[in-house]
Amino acid sequence: MGDSRKYCDWLEQARQDLEAARILHENRGPTNLAAFHAQQTVEKAYKAYLLYCTGRLQEGHSLAYLNKLCAKHNGDFAVFRPDSIKLNRYYTKTRYPSDFPLQVSEEQVEKFMHTAEKILQKVETKILEC
């Protein structure tokens, strides 16, 4: 985990990951890295929300689990569970060589970025002062 325990810092990192995904996508960069940054946007947004709610930084990278924890604090997050499960695959499989590389299409990246943006916006509305 990073050094910061401030939820606003985690939100800013999430925003930067979304921007990185956009830059990669707009410049026809590697789709696997754009998908990774979309996944990171969601992970950091969820962690920001959980830190805001609990005062404790949540360990782990499973978006499904982080989403479940967020939904315990606010049921609105449950609607993002299916998308969180889909995006979860792109944490490791997009970053390391593999015998069976994960192919990511431009259309998938667009969907992932849209999902990441919706989740980040939801967190930002719940944490108004950032």
C-alpha atoms as a PDB file:
ATOM      1  CA  MET A   1       0.000   0.000   0.000  1.00  0.00           C
ATOM      2  CA  GLY A   2       0.999   3.591  -0.450  1.00  0.00           C
ATOM      3  CA  ASP A   3       2.116   5.876   2.318  1.00  0.00           C
ATOM      4  CA  SER A   4      -1.026   7.990   2.366  1.00  0.00           C
ATOM      5  CA  ARG A   5      -3.988   7.224   4.555  1.00  0.00           C
ATOM      6  CA  LYS A   6      -5.934  10.249   3.258  1.00  0.00           C
ATOM      7  CA  TYR A   7      -8.972   9.411   1.162  1.00  0.00           C
ATOM      8  CA  CYS A   8      -8.572  12.574  -0.932  1.00  0.00           C
ATOM      9  CA  ASP A   9      -5.108  11.391  -1.983  1.00  0.00           C
ATOM     10  CA  TRP A  10      -6.567   8.042  -3.044  1.00  0.00           C
ATOM     11  CA  LEU A  11      -9.241   9.850  -5.046  1.00  0.00           C
ATOM     12  CA  GLU A  12      -6.601  11.946  -6.791  1.00  0.00           C
ATOM     13  CA  GLN A  13      -4.659   8.805  -7.695  1.00  0.00           C
ATOM     14  CA  ALA A  14      -7.869   7.294  -9.089  1.00  0.00           C
ATOM     15  CA  ARG A  15      -8.405  10.409 -11.215  1.00  0.00           C
ATOM     16  CA  GLN A  16      -4.846  10.150 -12.527  1.00  0.00           C
ATOM     17  CA  ASP A  17      -5.333   6.493 -13.464  1.00  0.00           C
ATOM     18  CA  LEU A  18      -8.496   7.394 -15.378  1.00  0.00           C
ATOM     19  CA  GLU A  19      -6.598  10.134 -17.198  1.00  0.00           C
ATOM     20  CA  ALA A  20      -3.811   7.670 -18.040  1.00  0.00           C
ATOM     21  CA  ALA A  21      -6.393   5.253 -19.482  1.00  0.00           C
ATOM     22  CA  ARG A  22      -7.870   8.074 -21.576  1.00  0.00           C
ATOM     23  CA  ILE A  23      -4.478   9.174 -22.890  1.00  0.00           C
ATOM     24  CA  LEU A  24      -3.553   5.631 -23.856  1.00  0.00           C
ATOM     25  CA  HIS A  25      -6.900   5.062 -25.526  1.00  0.00           C
ATOM     26  CA  GLU A  26      -6.967   8.371 -27.419  1.00  0.00           C
ATOM     27  CA  ASN A  27      -3.421   7.835 -28.677  1.00  0.00           C
ATOM     28  CA  ARG A  28      -4.060   4.217 -29.642  1.00  0.00           C
ATOM     29  CA  GLY A  29      -1.651   2.998 -27.000  1.00  0.00           C
ATOM     30  CA  PRO A  30      -1.582  -0.532 -25.628  1.00  0.00           C
ATOM     31  CA  THR A  31      -5.147  -1.551 -24.817  1.00  0.00           C
ATOM     32  CA  ASN A  32      -3.992  -3.877 -22.051  1.00  0.00           C
ATOM     33  CA  LEU A  33      -2.429  -0.946 -20.194  1.00  0.00           C
ATOM     34  CA  ALA A  34      -5.502   1.227 -20.704  1.00  0.00           C
ATOM     35  CA  ALA A  35      -7.615  -1.590 -19.207  1.00  0.00           C
ATOM     36  CA  PHE A  36      -5.182  -1.868 -16.282  1.00  0.00           C
ATOM     37  CA  HIS A  37      -5.508   1.856 -15.555  1.00  0.00           C
ATOM     38  CA  ALA A  38      -9.309   1.580 -15.676  1.00  0.00           C
ATOM     39  CA  GLN A  39      -9.086  -1.257 -13.139  1.00  0.00           C
ATOM     40  CA  GLN A  40      -6.772   0.847 -10.977  1.00  0.00           C
ATOM     41  CA  THR A  41      -9.204   3.773 -11.122  1.00  0.00           C
ATOM     42  CA  VAL A  42     -11.922   1.609  -9.617  1.00  0.00           C
ATOM     43  CA  GLU A  43      -9.667  -0.023  -7.034  1.00  0.00           C
ATOM     44  CA  LYS A  44      -8.397   3.324  -5.753  1.00  0.00           C
ATOM     45  CA  ALA A  45     -11.862   4.897  -5.798  1.00  0.00           C
ATOM     46  CA  TYR A  46     -13.251   2.032  -3.733  1.00  0.00           C
ATOM     47  CA  LYS A  47     -10.345   2.272  -1.303  1.00  0.00           C
ATOM     48  CA  ALA A  48     -10.883   6.029  -0.992  1.00  0.00           C
ATOM     49  CA  TYR A  49     -14.541   5.468  -0.136  1.00  0.00           C
ATOM     50  CA  LEU A  50     -13.747   2.761   2.392  1.00  0.00           C
ATOM     51  CA  LEU A  51     -11.054   4.911   3.981  1.00  0.00           C
ATOM     52  CA  TYR A  52     -13.559   7.766   4.166  1.00  0.00           C
ATOM     53  CA  CYS A  53     -16.165   5.522   5.810  1.00  0.00           C
ATOM     54  CA  THR A  54     -13.947   3.559   8.171  1.00  0.00           C
ATOM     55  CA  GLY A  55     -10.758   5.557   8.683  1.00  0.00           C
ATOM     56  CA  ARG A  56      -8.866   2.391   7.721  1.00  0.00           C
ATOM     57  CA  LEU A  57      -7.066   1.580   4.493  1.00  0.00           C
ATOM     58  CA  GLN A  58      -8.419  -1.639   2.992  1.00  0.00           C
ATOM     59  CA  GLU A  59      -5.840  -4.159   1.769  1.00  0.00           C
ATOM     60  CA  GLY A  60      -6.246  -6.237  -1.365  1.00  0.00           C
ATOM     61  CA  HIS A  61      -6.979  -5.806  -5.044  1.00  0.00           C
ATOM     62  CA  SER A  62     -10.228  -7.710  -5.618  1.00  0.00           C
ATOM     63  CA  LEU A  63     -12.743  -5.270  -7.036  1.00  0.00           C
ATOM     64  CA  ALA A  64     -15.583  -7.687  -6.280  1.00  0.00           C
ATOM     65  CA  TYR A  65     -14.593  -7.770  -2.601  1.00  0.00           C
ATOM     66  CA  LEU A  66     -13.978  -4.022  -2.378  1.00  0.00           C
ATOM     67  CA  ASN A  67     -17.335  -3.409  -4.031  1.00  0.00           C
ATOM     68  CA  LYS A  68     -19.035  -5.698  -1.506  1.00  0.00           C
ATOM     69  CA  LEU A  69     -17.469  -3.715   1.340  1.00  0.00           C
ATOM     70  CA  CYS A  70     -18.560  -0.409  -0.216  1.00  0.00           C
ATOM     71  CA  ALA A  71     -22.100  -1.739  -0.650  1.00  0.00           C
ATOM     72  CA  LYS A  72     -22.234  -2.545   3.083  1.00  0.00           C
ATOM     73  CA  HIS A  73     -21.785   1.180   3.745  1.00  0.00           C
ATOM     74  CA  ASN A  74     -24.052   2.303   0.932  1.00  0.00           C
ATOM     75  CA  GLY A  75     -26.282  -0.038  -1.051  1.00  0.00           C
ATOM     76  CA  ASP A  76     -25.940   2.165  -4.159  1.00  0.00           C
ATOM     77  CA  PHE A  77     -22.605   0.472  -4.871  1.00  0.00           C
ATOM     78  CA  ALA A  78     -24.176  -2.972  -5.379  1.00  0.00           C
ATOM     79  CA  VAL A  79     -25.203  -2.006  -8.914  1.00  0.00           C
ATOM     80  CA  PHE A  80     -21.487  -1.900  -9.841  1.00  0.00           C
ATOM     81  CA  ARG A  81     -20.755  -5.471  -8.730  1.00  0.00           C
ATOM     82  CA  PRO A  82     -21.062  -7.125 -12.189  1.00  0.00           C
ATOM     83  CA  ASP A  83     -18.794  -4.511 -13.777  1.00  0.00           C
ATOM     84  CA  SER A  84     -16.345  -4.812 -10.895  1.00  0.00           C
ATOM     85  CA  ILE A  85     -16.158  -8.564 -11.438  1.00  0.00           C
ATOM     86  CA  LYS A  86     -15.444  -8.049 -15.159  1.00  0.00           C
ATOM     87  CA  LEU A  87     -12.767  -5.434 -14.543  1.00  0.00           C
ATOM     88  CA  ASN A  88     -11.143  -7.533 -11.839  1.00  0.00           C
ATOM     89  CA  ARG A  89      -9.484  -9.764 -14.469  1.00  0.00           C
ATOM     90  CA  TYR A  90      -7.440  -6.863 -15.755  1.00  0.00           C
ATOM     91  CA  TYR A  91      -5.350  -6.336 -12.640  1.00  0.00           C
ATOM     92  CA  THR A  92      -2.639  -8.927 -13.307  1.00  0.00           C
ATOM     93  CA  LYS A  93      -3.434 -10.441 -16.666  1.00  0.00           C
ATOM     94  CA  THR A  94      -2.739  -7.168 -18.459  1.00  0.00           C
ATOM     95  CA  ARG A  95       0.594  -6.521 -16.778  1.00  0.00           C
ATOM     96  CA  TYR A  96       2.648  -9.680 -17.126  1.00  0.00           C
ATOM     97  CA  PRO A  97       3.657 -11.919 -20.028  1.00  0.00           C
ATOM     98  CA  SER A  98       1.509 -14.994 -20.333  1.00  0.00           C
ATOM     99  CA  ASP A  99       1.251 -18.131 -22.431  1.00  0.00           C
ATOM    100  CA  PHE A 100      -2.340 -17.068 -23.027  1.00  0.00           C
ATOM    101  CA  PRO A 101      -2.291 -13.272 -23.173  1.00  0.00           C
ATOM    102  CA  LEU A 102      -5.490 -11.471 -22.432  1.00  0.00           C
ATOM    103  CA  GLN A 103      -6.632  -9.617 -25.539  1.00  0.00           C
ATOM    104  CA  VAL A 104      -8.383  -6.318 -24.923  1.00  0.00           C
ATOM    105  CA  SER A 105     -10.293  -4.639 -27.741  1.00  0.00           C
ATOM    106  CA  GLU A 106     -10.746  -0.900 -28.212  1.00  0.00           C
ATOM    107  CA  GLU A 107     -14.450  -1.370 -27.495  1.00  0.00           C
ATOM    108  CA  GLN A 108     -13.713  -3.149 -24.220  1.00  0.00           C
ATOM    109  CA  VAL A 109     -11.383  -0.344 -23.166  1.00  0.00           C
ATOM    110  CA  GLU A 110     -14.119   2.201 -23.881  1.00  0.00           C
ATOM    111  CA  LYS A 111     -16.576   0.227 -21.744  1.00  0.00           C
ATOM    112  CA  PHE A 112     -14.035  -0.154 -18.937  1.00  0.00           C
ATOM    113  CA  MET A 113     -13.251   3.555 -18.946  1.00  0.00           C
ATOM    114  CA  HIS A 114     -16.958   4.377 -18.868  1.00  0.00           C
ATOM    115  CA  THR A 115     -17.430   1.994 -15.931  1.00  0.00           C
ATOM    116  CA  ALA A 116     -14.431   3.450 -14.110  1.00  0.00           C
ATOM    117  CA  GLU A 117     -15.735   6.970 -14.662  1.00  0.00           C
ATOM    118  CA  LYS A 118     -19.206   6.080 -13.304  1.00  0.00           C
ATOM    119  CA  ILE A 119     -17.755   4.452 -10.196  1.00  0.00           C
ATOM    120  CA  LEU A 120     -15.336   7.316  -9.584  1.00  0.00           C
ATOM    121  CA  GLN A 121     -18.187   9.816  -9.947  1.00  0.00           C
ATOM    122  CA  LYS A 122     -20.294   7.851  -7.453  1.00  0.00           C
ATOM    123  CA  VAL A 123     -17.463   7.889  -4.933  1.00  0.00           C
ATOM    124  CA  GLU A 124     -16.858  11.586  -5.509  1.00  0.00           C
ATOM    125  CA  THR A 125     -20.528  12.369  -4.847  1.00  0.00           C
ATOM    126  CA  LYS A 126     -20.296  10.471  -1.573  1.00  0.00           C
ATOM    127  CA  ILE A 127     -17.089  12.317  -0.626  1.00  0.00           C
ATOM    128  CA  LEU A 128     -17.989  15.891  -1.527  1.00  0.00           C
ATOM    129  CA  GLU A 129     -15.090  17.760   0.011  1.00  0.00           C
ATOM    130  CA  CYS A 130     -12.385  16.297  -2.259  1.00  0.00           C
END
